C-alpha atoms as a PDB file:
ATOM      1  CA  MET A   1      79.053 110.032 125.493  1.00  0.00           C
ATOM      2  CA  SER A   2      80.834 107.927 128.095  1.00  0.00           C
ATOM      3  CA  VAL A   3      82.306 105.785 125.297  1.00  0.00           C
ATOM      4  CA  ILE A   4      84.053 108.850 123.880  1.00  0.00           C
ATOM      5  CA  PHE A   5      85.672 109.584 127.238  1.00  0.00           C
ATOM      6  CA  LEU A   6      86.762 105.964 127.521  1.00  0.00           C
ATOM      7  CA  LEU A   7      88.316 106.044 124.028  1.00  0.00           C
ATOM      8  CA  VAL A   8      90.102 109.326 124.737  1.00  0.00           C
ATOM      9  CA  ILE A   9      91.546 107.935 127.971  1.00  0.00           C
ATOM     10  CA  ILE A  10      92.681 104.745 126.212  1.00  0.00           C
ATOM     11  CA  GLY A  11      94.230 106.829 123.414  1.00  0.00           C
ATOM     12  CA  VAL A  12      96.150 109.002 125.876  1.00  0.00           C
ATOM     13  CA  VAL A  13      97.414 105.906 127.718  1.00  0.00           C
ATOM     14  CA  VAL A  14      98.581 104.241 124.478  1.00  0.00           C
ATOM     15  CA  ALA A  15     100.271 107.461 123.323  1.00  0.00           C
ATOM     16  CA  GLY A  16     102.000 107.727 126.714  1.00  0.00           C
ATOM     17  CA  LEU A  17     103.251 104.140 126.377  1.00  0.00           C
ATOM     18  CA  PHE A  18     104.686 104.881 122.930  1.00  0.00           C
ATOM     19  CA  LEU A  19     106.329 108.046 124.249  1.00  0.00           C
ATOM     20  CA  ALA A  20     107.854 106.130 127.168  1.00  0.00           C
ATOM     21  CA  ALA A  21     109.156 103.423 124.807  1.00  0.00           C
ATOM     22  CA  PHE A  22     110.688 106.079 122.545  1.00  0.00           C
ATOM     23  CA  ILE A  23     112.390 107.864 125.439  1.00  0.00           C
ATOM     24  CA  TRP A  24     113.710 104.538 126.760  1.00  0.00           C
ATOM     25  CA  SER A  25     115.124 103.613 123.320  1.00  0.00           C
ATOM     26  CA  VAL A  26     116.871 106.992 122.982  1.00  0.00           C
ATOM     27  CA  LYS A  27     118.401 106.708 126.456  1.00  0.00           C
ATOM     28  CA  SER A  28     119.580 103.139 125.834  1.00  0.00           C
ATOM     29  CA  GLY A  29     121.477 104.187 122.693  1.00  0.00           C
ATOM     30  CA  GLN A  30     119.334 102.734 119.911  1.00  0.00           C
ATOM     31  CA  TYR A  31     119.816 105.770 117.672  1.00  0.00           C
ATOM     32  CA  GLU A  32     123.519 106.474 118.237  1.00  0.00           C
ATOM     33  CA  ASP A  33     124.923 104.666 115.172  1.00  0.00           C
ATOM     34  CA  SER A  34     124.865 107.234 112.400  1.00  0.00           C
ATOM     35  CA  TYR A  35     127.754 105.822 110.340  1.00  0.00           C
ATOM     36  CA  SER A  36     126.660 102.263 109.493  1.00  0.00           C
ATOM     37  CA  PRO A  37     123.475 103.069 107.549  1.00  0.00           C
ATOM     38  CA  SER A  38     125.366 105.335 105.179  1.00  0.00           C
ATOM     39  CA  VAL A  39     127.922 102.660 104.223  1.00  0.00           C
ATOM     40  CA  ARG A  40     125.688  99.583 104.434  1.00  0.00           C
ATOM     41  CA  ILE A  41     124.952  99.776 100.713  1.00  0.00           C
ATOM     42  CA  LEU A  42     128.654  99.351  99.945  1.00  0.00           C
ATOM     43  CA  PHE A  43     128.871  95.871 101.502  1.00  0.00           C
ATOM     44  CA  ASP A  44     127.633  92.692  99.843  1.00  0.00           C
ATOM     45  CA  ASP A  45     125.423  90.719 102.250  1.00  0.00           C
ATOM     46  CA  HIS A  46     124.696  87.799  99.914  1.00  0.00           C
ATOM     47  CA  LYS A  47     126.501  84.586 100.663  1.00  0.00           C
ATOM     48  CA  LYS A  48     128.523  83.110  97.840  1.00  0.00           C
ATOM     49  CA  SER A  49     127.199  79.699  96.873  1.00  0.00           C
ATOM     50  CA  ASP A  50     128.112  77.208  94.199  1.00  0.00           C
ATOM     51  CA  ASP A  51     127.447  78.100  90.556  1.00  0.00           C
ATOM     52  CA  SER A  52     124.627  75.597  90.066  1.00  0.00           C
ATOM     53  CA  GLU A  53     122.315  77.459  92.440  1.00  0.00           C
ATOM     54  CA  THR A  54     123.179  80.777  90.833  1.00  0.00           C
ATOM     55  CA  LYS A  55     122.529  79.464  87.334  1.00  0.00           C
ATOM     56  CA  SER A  56     119.178  77.939  88.311  1.00  0.00           C
ATOM     57  CA  THR A  57     118.141  81.220  89.911  1.00  0.00           C
ATOM     58  CA  GLU A  58     119.163  83.131  86.782  1.00  0.00           C
ATOM     59  CA  LYS A  59     117.111  80.755  84.628  1.00  0.00           C
ATOM     60  CA  LYS A  60     114.048  81.329  86.812  1.00  0.00           C
ATOM     61  CA  HIS A  61     114.418  85.098  86.461  1.00  0.00           C
ATOM     62  CA  LYS A  62     114.875  84.842  82.699  1.00  0.00           C
ATOM     63  CA  ASN A  63     111.764  82.669  82.390  1.00  0.00           C
ATOM     64  CA  LYS A  64     109.709  85.125  84.424  1.00  0.00           C
ATOM     65  CA  ASN A  65     110.952  88.050  82.340  1.00  0.00           C
ATOM     66  CA  SER A  66     110.237  86.301  79.049  1.00  0.00           C
ATOM     67  CA  LYS A  67     106.680  85.454  80.148  1.00  0.00           C
ATOM     68  CA  ASN A  68     106.038  89.033  81.222  1.00  0.00           C
ATOM     69  CA  SER A  69     107.458  90.495  78.018  1.00  0.00           C
ATOM     70  CA  ASN A  70     104.906  88.608  75.903  1.00  0.00           C
ATOM     71  CA  TYR A  71     102.067  90.620  77.396  1.00  0.00           C
ATOM     72  CA  LYS A  72     103.492  94.082  76.739  1.00  0.00           C
END
């Protein structure tokens, strides 16, 4: 029975720590940027590299797709 009380106390302490961390993050401005996530999909994050790397990557994807299509 004493183990249950110990686990409840530990659970309340951990929940209090998470609540304190959440309140701290809200006060420090972590959730204030509401514009960037909505337009992030419009920007291309991939770096442009030379064509040889792109072609080798495309070949790898084609080989994987052709192997998978044999089993369908």
